[in-house]
Amino acid sequence: MKKVVRLLLTITVAFVVFTGFRWYRYITNTDSPYDEIGITLNNAMPGPINAWGCAKLKTTFGTSLPPYGCAAENATQWK
C-alpha cells in the first residue's frame, strides 16, 4: 500500500511540475499569445494567478487582441 501511495504522489507532483512549467513557458513567451494549450492552462488557473499571467501577456502583446481568458467583455480589450 505504501508503494502505491508513493507512486501516486510522484505522478501527482510530476503532473503539477510539468503543467506549471508549461503554463509559465506560455506566459513568458515572446512568439504568440494564441497557443491553445497555454490559453487553456491560463484559464484553469485560480483568479490571482490568471490575472498575473494576463498582465504578463499584456506587457508583451498589448497591441494585439487578447487571448481567451484575458479579454474584457467586448473581447477586443485586455482586462
PDB file of N, CA and C in Angstrom:
ATOM      1  N   MET A   1       0.822  -1.194   0.000  1.00  0.00           N
ATOM      2  CA  MET A   1       0.000   0.000   0.000  1.00  0.00           C
ATOM      3  C   MET A   1       0.863   1.253   0.000  1.00  0.00           C
ATOM      4  N   LYS A   2       1.974   1.208   0.728  1.00  0.00           N
ATOM      5  CA  LYS A   2       2.866   2.358   0.810  1.00  0.00           C
ATOM      6  C   LYS A   2       3.463   2.691  -0.556  1.00  0.00           C
ATOM      7  N   LYS A   3       3.761   1.664  -1.337  1.00  0.00           N
ATOM      8  CA  LYS A   3       4.339   1.885  -2.665  1.00  0.00           C
ATOM      9  C   LYS A   3       3.321   2.528  -3.606  1.00  0.00           C
ATOM     10  N   VAL A   4       2.077   2.153  -3.485  1.00  0.00           N
ATOM     11  CA  VAL A   4       1.032   2.724  -4.335  1.00  0.00           C
ATOM     12  C   VAL A   4       0.853   4.202  -4.015  1.00  0.00           C
ATOM     13  N   VAL A   5       0.824   4.540  -2.741  1.00  0.00           N
ATOM     14  CA  VAL A   5       0.680   5.937  -2.331  1.00  0.00           C
ATOM     15  C   VAL A   5       1.877   6.748  -2.819  1.00  0.00           C
ATOM     16  N   ARG A   6       3.066   6.199  -2.681  1.00  0.00           N
ATOM     17  CA  ARG A   6       4.275   6.889  -3.135  1.00  0.00           C
ATOM     18  C   ARG A   6       4.247   7.101  -4.653  1.00  0.00           C
ATOM     19  N   LEU A   7       3.793   6.082  -5.382  1.00  0.00           N
ATOM     20  CA  LEU A   7       3.703   6.198  -6.833  1.00  0.00           C
ATOM     21  C   LEU A   7       2.687   7.271  -7.233  1.00  0.00           C
ATOM     22  N   LEU A   8       1.533   7.261  -6.592  1.00  0.00           N
ATOM     23  CA  LEU A   8       0.511   8.270  -6.895  1.00  0.00           C
ATOM     24  C   LEU A   8       0.988   9.672  -6.549  1.00  0.00           C
ATOM     25  N   LEU A   9       1.683   9.803  -5.445  1.00  0.00           N
ATOM     26  CA  LEU A   9       2.228  11.104  -5.063  1.00  0.00           C
ATOM     27  C   LEU A   9       3.277  11.571  -6.072  1.00  0.00           C
ATOM     28  N   THR A  10       4.118  10.671  -6.520  1.00  0.00           N
ATOM     29  CA  THR A  10       5.138  11.010  -7.519  1.00  0.00           C
ATOM     30  C   THR A  10       4.499  11.429  -8.830  1.00  0.00           C
ATOM     31  N   ILE A  11       3.480  10.715  -9.262  1.00  0.00           N
ATOM     32  CA  ILE A  11       2.783  11.065 -10.501  1.00  0.00           C
ATOM     33  C   ILE A  11       2.105  12.428 -10.364  1.00  0.00           C
ATOM     34  N   THR A  12       1.492  12.692  -9.227  1.00  0.00           N
ATOM     35  CA  THR A  12       0.822  13.971  -8.996  1.00  0.00           C
ATOM     36  C   THR A  12       1.810  15.127  -9.004  1.00  0.00           C
ATOM     37  N   VAL A  13       2.926  14.958  -8.312  1.00  0.00           N
ATOM     38  CA  VAL A  13       3.942  16.017  -8.275  1.00  0.00           C
ATOM     39  C   VAL A  13       4.512  16.254  -9.680  1.00  0.00           C
ATOM     40  N   ALA A  14       4.783  15.190 -10.418  1.00  0.00           N
ATOM     41  CA  ALA A  14       5.303  15.336 -11.779  1.00  0.00           C
ATOM     42  C   ALA A  14       4.303  16.065 -12.671  1.00  0.00           C
ATOM     43  N   PHE A  15       3.027  15.753 -12.526  1.00  0.00           N
ATOM     44  CA  PHE A  15       1.999  16.416 -13.319  1.00  0.00           C
ATOM     45  C   PHE A  15       1.918  17.899 -12.994  1.00  0.00           C
ATOM     46  N   VAL A  16       1.960  18.231 -11.714  1.00  0.00           N
ATOM     47  CA  VAL A  16       1.895  19.636 -11.295  1.00  0.00           C
ATOM     48  C   VAL A  16       3.119  20.406 -11.787  1.00  0.00           C
ATOM     49  N   VAL A  17       4.286  19.810 -11.679  1.00  0.00           N
ATOM     50  CA  VAL A  17       5.512  20.481 -12.135  1.00  0.00           C
ATOM     51  C   VAL A  17       5.469  20.666 -13.648  1.00  0.00           C
ATOM     52  N   PHE A  18       5.090  19.643 -14.388  1.00  0.00           N
ATOM     53  CA  PHE A  18       5.032  19.754 -15.846  1.00  0.00           C
ATOM     54  C   PHE A  18       4.007  20.797 -16.279  1.00  0.00           C
ATOM     55  N   THR A  19       2.829  20.760 -15.677  1.00  0.00           N
ATOM     56  CA  THR A  19       1.779  21.719 -16.030  1.00  0.00           C
ATOM     57  C   THR A  19       2.204  23.145 -15.677  1.00  0.00           C
ATOM     58  N   GLY A  20       2.777  23.324 -14.499  1.00  0.00           N
ATOM     59  CA  GLY A  20       3.245  24.651 -14.093  1.00  0.00           C
ATOM     60  C   GLY A  20       4.330  25.183 -14.999  1.00  0.00           C
ATOM     61  N   PHE A  21       5.256  24.317 -15.394  1.00  0.00           N
ATOM     62  CA  PHE A  21       6.310  24.746 -16.306  1.00  0.00           C
ATOM     63  C   PHE A  21       5.729  25.120 -17.652  1.00  0.00           C
ATOM     64  N   ARG A  22       4.796  24.335 -18.160  1.00  0.00           N
ATOM     65  CA  ARG A  22       4.189  24.600 -19.476  1.00  0.00           C
ATOM     66  C   ARG A  22       3.417  25.928 -19.432  1.00  0.00           C
ATOM     67  N   TRP A  23       2.708  26.180 -18.332  1.00  0.00           N
ATOM     68  CA  TRP A  23       1.972  27.433 -18.189  1.00  0.00           C
ATOM     69  C   TRP A  23       2.940  28.614 -18.131  1.00  0.00           C
ATOM     70  N   TYR A  24       3.996  28.496 -17.324  1.00  0.00           N
ATOM     71  CA  TYR A  24       4.962  29.587 -17.190  1.00  0.00           C
ATOM     72  C   TYR A  24       5.674  29.863 -18.513  1.00  0.00           C
ATOM     73  N   ARG A  25       5.960  28.817 -19.246  1.00  0.00           N
ATOM     74  CA  ARG A  25       6.587  28.995 -20.562  1.00  0.00           C
ATOM     75  C   ARG A  25       5.649  29.748 -21.508  1.00  0.00           C
ATOM     76  N   TYR A  26       4.357  29.482 -21.415  1.00  0.00           N
ATOM     77  CA  TYR A  26       3.387  30.211 -22.234  1.00  0.00           C
ATOM     78  C   TYR A  26       3.325  31.682 -21.827  1.00  0.00           C
ATOM     79  N   ILE A  27       3.286  31.967 -20.542  1.00  0.00           N
ATOM     80  CA  ILE A  27       3.159  33.327 -20.039  1.00  0.00           C
ATOM     81  C   ILE A  27       4.377  34.171 -20.404  1.00  0.00           C
ATOM     82  N   THR A  28       5.548  33.582 -20.397  1.00  0.00           N
ATOM     83  CA  THR A  28       6.773  34.338 -20.646  1.00  0.00           C
ATOM     84  C   THR A  28       7.253  34.231 -22.083  1.00  0.00           C
ATOM     85  N   ASN A  29       6.440  33.670 -22.975  1.00  0.00           N
ATOM     86  CA  ASN A  29       6.878  33.531 -24.371  1.00  0.00           C
ATOM     87  C   ASN A  29       6.911  34.878 -25.070  1.00  0.00           C
ATOM     88  N   THR A  30       7.564  34.930 -26.207  1.00  0.00           N
ATOM     89  CA  THR A  30       7.619  36.159 -26.984  1.00  0.00           C
ATOM     90  C   THR A  30       7.166  35.941 -28.426  1.00  0.00           C
ATOM     91  N   ASP A  31       6.592  34.774 -28.707  1.00  0.00           N
ATOM     92  CA  ASP A  31       6.172  34.459 -30.072  1.00  0.00           C
ATOM     93  C   ASP A  31       4.714  34.839 -30.348  1.00  0.00           C
ATOM     94  N   SER A  32       3.807  34.269 -29.568  1.00  0.00           N
ATOM     95  CA  SER A  32       2.389  34.489 -29.821  1.00  0.00           C
ATOM     96  C   SER A  32       1.580  34.219 -28.550  1.00  0.00           C
ATOM     97  N   PRO A  33       0.545  35.029 -28.291  1.00  0.00           N
ATOM     98  CA  PRO A  33      -0.300  34.767 -27.126  1.00  0.00           C
ATOM     99  C   PRO A  33      -1.422  33.774 -27.427  1.00  0.00           C
ATOM    100  N   TYR A  34      -1.432  33.181 -28.615  1.00  0.00           N
ATOM    101  CA  TYR A  34      -2.552  32.353 -29.048  1.00  0.00           C
ATOM    102  C   TYR A  34      -2.249  30.858 -29.061  1.00  0.00           C
ATOM    103  N   ASP A  35      -1.395  30.389 -28.182  1.00  0.00           N
ATOM    104  CA  ASP A  35      -1.110  28.969 -28.031  1.00  0.00           C
ATOM    105  C   ASP A  35      -2.289  28.321 -27.311  1.00  0.00           C
ATOM    106  N   GLU A  36      -2.930  27.347 -27.948  1.00  0.00           N
ATOM    107  CA  GLU A  36      -4.161  26.773 -27.404  1.00  0.00           C
ATOM    108  C   GLU A  36      -3.965  26.132 -26.036  1.00  0.00           C
ATOM    109  N   ILE A  37      -2.894  25.404 -25.868  1.00  0.00           N
ATOM    110  CA  ILE A  37      -2.646  24.746 -24.586  1.00  0.00           C
ATOM    111  C   ILE A  37      -2.368  25.787 -23.508  1.00  0.00           C
ATOM    112  N   GLY A  38      -1.580  26.798 -23.837  1.00  0.00           N
ATOM    113  CA  GLY A  38      -1.287  27.854 -22.883  1.00  0.00           C
ATOM    114  C   GLY A  38      -2.532  28.619 -22.468  1.00  0.00           C
ATOM    115  N   ILE A  39      -3.392  28.904 -23.422  1.00  0.00           N
ATOM    116  CA  ILE A  39      -4.640  29.609 -23.122  1.00  0.00           C
ATOM    117  C   ILE A  39      -5.495  28.766 -22.174  1.00  0.00           C
ATOM    118  N   THR A  40      -5.582  27.472 -22.445  1.00  0.00           N
ATOM    119  CA  THR A  40      -6.368  26.580 -21.592  1.00  0.00           C
ATOM    120  C   THR A  40      -5.795  26.515 -20.188  1.00  0.00           C
ATOM    121  N   LEU A  41      -4.476  26.393 -20.085  1.00  0.00           N
ATOM    122  CA  LEU A  41      -3.846  26.330 -18.762  1.00  0.00           C
ATOM    123  C   LEU A  41      -4.035  27.639 -18.004  1.00  0.00           C
ATOM    124  N   ASN A  42      -3.872  28.763 -18.682  1.00  0.00           N
ATOM    125  CA  ASN A  42      -4.041  30.057 -18.011  1.00  0.00           C
ATOM    126  C   ASN A  42      -5.480  30.232 -17.541  1.00  0.00           C
ATOM    127  N   ASN A  43      -6.426  29.787 -18.348  1.00  0.00           N
ATOM    128  CA  ASN A  43      -7.836  29.877 -17.966  1.00  0.00           C
ATOM    129  C   ASN A  43      -8.153  29.007 -16.756  1.00  0.00           C
ATOM    130  N   ALA A  44      -7.445  27.899 -16.595  1.00  0.00           N
ATOM    131  CA  ALA A  44      -7.707  26.975 -15.497  1.00  0.00           C
ATOM    132  C   ALA A  44      -7.061  27.428 -14.186  1.00  0.00           C
ATOM    133  N   MET A  45      -6.182  28.409 -14.256  1.00  0.00           N
ATOM    134  CA  MET A  45      -5.506  28.875 -13.045  1.00  0.00           C
ATOM    135  C   MET A  45      -6.464  29.672 -12.167  1.00  0.00           C
ATOM    136  N   PRO A  46      -6.222  29.669 -10.846  1.00  0.00           N
ATOM    137  CA  PRO A  46      -7.048  30.488  -9.941  1.00  0.00           C
ATOM    138  C   PRO A  46      -6.945  31.975 -10.291  1.00  0.00           C
ATOM    139  N   GLY A  47      -7.907  32.750  -9.876  1.00  0.00           N
ATOM    140  CA  GLY A  47      -8.023  34.167 -10.223  1.00  0.00           C
ATOM    141  C   GLY A  47      -6.753  34.994 -10.149  1.00  0.00           C
ATOM    142  N   PRO A  48      -6.048  35.040  -9.024  1.00  0.00           N
ATOM    143  CA  PRO A  48      -4.856  35.886  -8.944  1.00  0.00           C
ATOM    144  C   PRO A  48      -3.734  35.435  -9.878  1.00  0.00           C
ATOM    145  N   ILE A  49      -3.586  34.126 -10.047  1.00  0.00           N
ATOM    146  CA  ILE A  49      -2.536  33.614 -10.939  1.00  0.00           C
ATOM    147  C   ILE A  49      -2.903  33.915 -12.389  1.00  0.00           C
ATOM    148  N   ASN A  50      -4.187  33.759 -12.717  1.00  0.00           N
ATOM    149  CA  ASN A  50      -4.653  34.085 -14.065  1.00  0.00           C
ATOM    150  C   ASN A  50      -4.461  35.565 -14.345  1.00  0.00           C
ATOM    151  N   ALA A  51      -4.788  36.410 -13.383  1.00  0.00           N
ATOM    152  CA  ALA A  51      -4.627  37.861 -13.566  1.00  0.00           C
ATOM    153  C   ALA A  51      -3.157  38.224 -13.768  1.00  0.00           C
ATOM    154  N   TRP A  52      -2.265  37.595 -12.999  1.00  0.00           N
ATOM    155  CA  TRP A  52      -0.834  37.852 -13.163  1.00  0.00           C
ATOM    156  C   TRP A  52      -0.377  37.410 -14.549  1.00  0.00           C
ATOM    157  N   GLY A  53      -0.844  36.248 -14.988  1.00  0.00           N
ATOM    158  CA  GLY A  53      -0.490  35.756 -16.316  1.00  0.00           C
ATOM    159  C   GLY A  53      -0.990  36.680 -17.416  1.00  0.00           C
ATOM    160  N   CYS A  54      -2.213  37.151 -17.273  1.00  0.00           N
ATOM    161  CA  CYS A  54      -2.771  38.075 -18.274  1.00  0.00           C
ATOM    162  C   CYS A  54      -1.997  39.389 -18.288  1.00  0.00           C
ATOM    163  N   ALA A  55      -1.599  39.861 -17.118  1.00  0.00           N
ATOM    164  CA  ALA A  55      -0.814  41.102 -17.064  1.00  0.00           C
ATOM    165  C   ALA A  55       0.535  40.911 -17.748  1.00  0.00           C
ATOM    166  N   LYS A  56       1.152  39.761 -17.542  1.00  0.00           N
ATOM    167  CA  LYS A  56       2.431  39.461 -18.193  1.00  0.00           C
ATOM    168  C   LYS A  56       2.266  39.417 -19.713  1.00  0.00           C
ATOM    169  N   LEU A  57       1.196  38.754 -20.160  1.00  0.00           N
ATOM    170  CA  LEU A  57       0.938  38.675 -21.598  1.00  0.00           C
ATOM    171  C   LEU A  57       0.638  40.057 -22.173  1.00  0.00           C
ATOM    172  N   LYS A  58      -0.075  40.874 -21.417  1.00  0.00           N
ATOM    173  CA  LYS A  58      -0.422  42.212 -21.891  1.00  0.00           C
ATOM    174  C   LYS A  58       0.821  43.071 -22.072  1.00  0.00           C
ATOM    175  N   THR A  59       1.802  42.950 -21.183  1.00  0.00           N
ATOM    176  CA  THR A  59       3.024  43.744 -21.345  1.00  0.00           C
ATOM    177  C   THR A  59       3.793  43.328 -22.597  1.00  0.00           C
ATOM    178  N   THR A  60       3.695  42.062 -22.958  1.00  0.00           N
ATOM    179  CA  THR A  60       4.410  41.584 -24.144  1.00  0.00           C
ATOM    180  C   THR A  60       3.610  41.792 -25.427  1.00  0.00           C
ATOM    181  N   PHE A  61       2.298  41.541 -25.370  1.00  0.00           N
ATOM    182  CA  PHE A  61       1.455  41.577 -26.572  1.00  0.00           C
ATOM    183  C   PHE A  61       0.309  42.574 -26.445  1.00  0.00           C
ATOM    184  N   GLY A  62       0.536  43.696 -25.819  1.00  0.00           N
ATOM    185  CA  GLY A  62      -0.519  44.674 -25.553  1.00  0.00           C
ATOM    186  C   GLY A  62      -1.183  45.255 -26.776  1.00  0.00           C
ATOM    187  N   THR A  63      -0.525  45.231 -27.916  1.00  0.00           N
ATOM    188  CA  THR A  63      -1.110  45.827 -29.124  1.00  0.00           C
ATOM    189  C   THR A  63      -1.955  44.843 -29.920  1.00  0.00           C
ATOM    190  N   SER A  64      -1.926  43.560 -29.574  1.00  0.00           N
ATOM    191  CA  SER A  64      -2.727  42.574 -30.301  1.00  0.00           C
ATOM    192  C   SER A  64      -3.988  42.240 -29.511  1.00  0.00           C
ATOM    193  N   LEU A  65      -4.893  41.502 -30.128  1.00  0.00           N
ATOM    194  CA  LEU A  65      -6.113  41.100 -29.443  1.00  0.00           C
ATOM    195  C   LEU A  65      -5.763  40.140 -28.313  1.00  0.00           C
ATOM    196  N   PRO A  66      -6.442  40.254 -27.181  1.00  0.00           N
ATOM    197  CA  PRO A  66      -6.133  39.374 -26.044  1.00  0.00           C
ATOM    198  C   PRO A  66      -6.636  37.954 -26.289  1.00  0.00           C
ATOM    199  N   PRO A  67      -5.948  36.963 -25.733  1.00  0.00           N
ATOM    200  CA  PRO A  67      -6.442  35.590 -25.841  1.00  0.00           C
ATOM    201  C   PRO A  67      -7.635  35.374 -24.921  1.00  0.00           C
ATOM    202  N   TYR A  68      -8.340  34.302 -25.150  1.00  0.00           N
ATOM    203  CA  TYR A  68      -9.489  33.945 -24.322  1.00  0.00           C
ATOM    204  C   TYR A  68      -9.053  33.858 -22.864  1.00  0.00           C
ATOM    205  N   GLY A  69      -9.814  34.450 -21.984  1.00  0.00           N
ATOM    206  CA  GLY A  69      -9.489  34.439 -20.565  1.00  0.00           C
ATOM    207  C   GLY A  69      -8.822  35.724 -20.104  1.00  0.00           C
ATOM    208  N   CYS A  70      -8.281  36.490 -21.054  1.00  0.00           N
ATOM    209  CA  CYS A  70      -7.638  37.762 -20.713  1.00  0.00           C
ATOM    210  C   CYS A  70      -8.381  38.939 -21.334  1.00  0.00           C
ATOM    211  N   ALA A  71      -9.479  38.660 -21.988  1.00  0.00           N
ATOM    212  CA  ALA A  71     -10.229  39.703 -22.674  1.00  0.00           C
ATOM    213  C   ALA A  71     -11.337  40.255 -21.787  1.00  0.00           C
ATOM    214  N   ALA A  72     -11.636  41.535 -21.976  1.00  0.00           N
ATOM    215  CA  ALA A  72     -12.771  42.169 -21.304  1.00  0.00           C
ATOM    216  C   ALA A  72     -14.063  41.692 -21.961  1.00  0.00           C
ATOM    217  N   GLU A  73     -15.189  42.222 -21.532  1.00  0.00           N
ATOM    218  CA  GLU A  73     -16.484  41.772 -22.040  1.00  0.00           C
ATOM    219  C   GLU A  73     -16.629  41.917 -23.557  1.00  0.00           C
ATOM    220  N   ASN A  74     -16.017  42.950 -24.129  1.00  0.00           N
ATOM    221  CA  ASN A  74     -16.167  43.161 -25.560  1.00  0.00           C
ATOM    222  C   ASN A  74     -15.196  42.313 -26.396  1.00  0.00           C
ATOM    223  N   ALA A  75     -14.326  41.566 -25.770  1.00  0.00           N
ATOM    224  CA  ALA A  75     -13.373  40.629 -26.390  1.00  0.00           C
ATOM    225  C   ALA A  75     -12.327  41.297 -27.270  1.00  0.00           C
ATOM    226  N   THR A  76     -12.252  42.606 -27.247  1.00  0.00           N
ATOM    227  CA  THR A  76     -11.220  43.283 -28.042  1.00  0.00           C
ATOM    228  C   THR A  76     -10.224  44.043 -27.188  1.00  0.00           C
ATOM    229  N   GLN A  77     -10.501  44.141 -25.875  1.00  0.00           N
ATOM    230  CA  GLN A  77      -9.603  44.845 -24.968  1.00  0.00           C
ATOM    231  C   GLN A  77      -9.139  43.900 -23.875  1.00  0.00           C
ATOM    232  N   TRP A  78      -7.962  44.169 -23.362  1.00  0.00           N
ATOM    233  CA  TRP A  78      -7.406  43.379 -22.253  1.00  0.00           C
ATOM    234  C   TRP A  78      -8.138  43.729 -20.977  1.00  0.00           C
ATOM    235  N   LYS A  79      -8.179  42.801 -20.054  1.00  0.00           N
ATOM    236  CA  LYS A  79      -8.797  43.037 -18.735  1.00  0.00           C
ATOM    237  C   LYS A  79      -8.016  44.084 -17.992  1.00  0.00           C
TER     238      LYS A  79
END
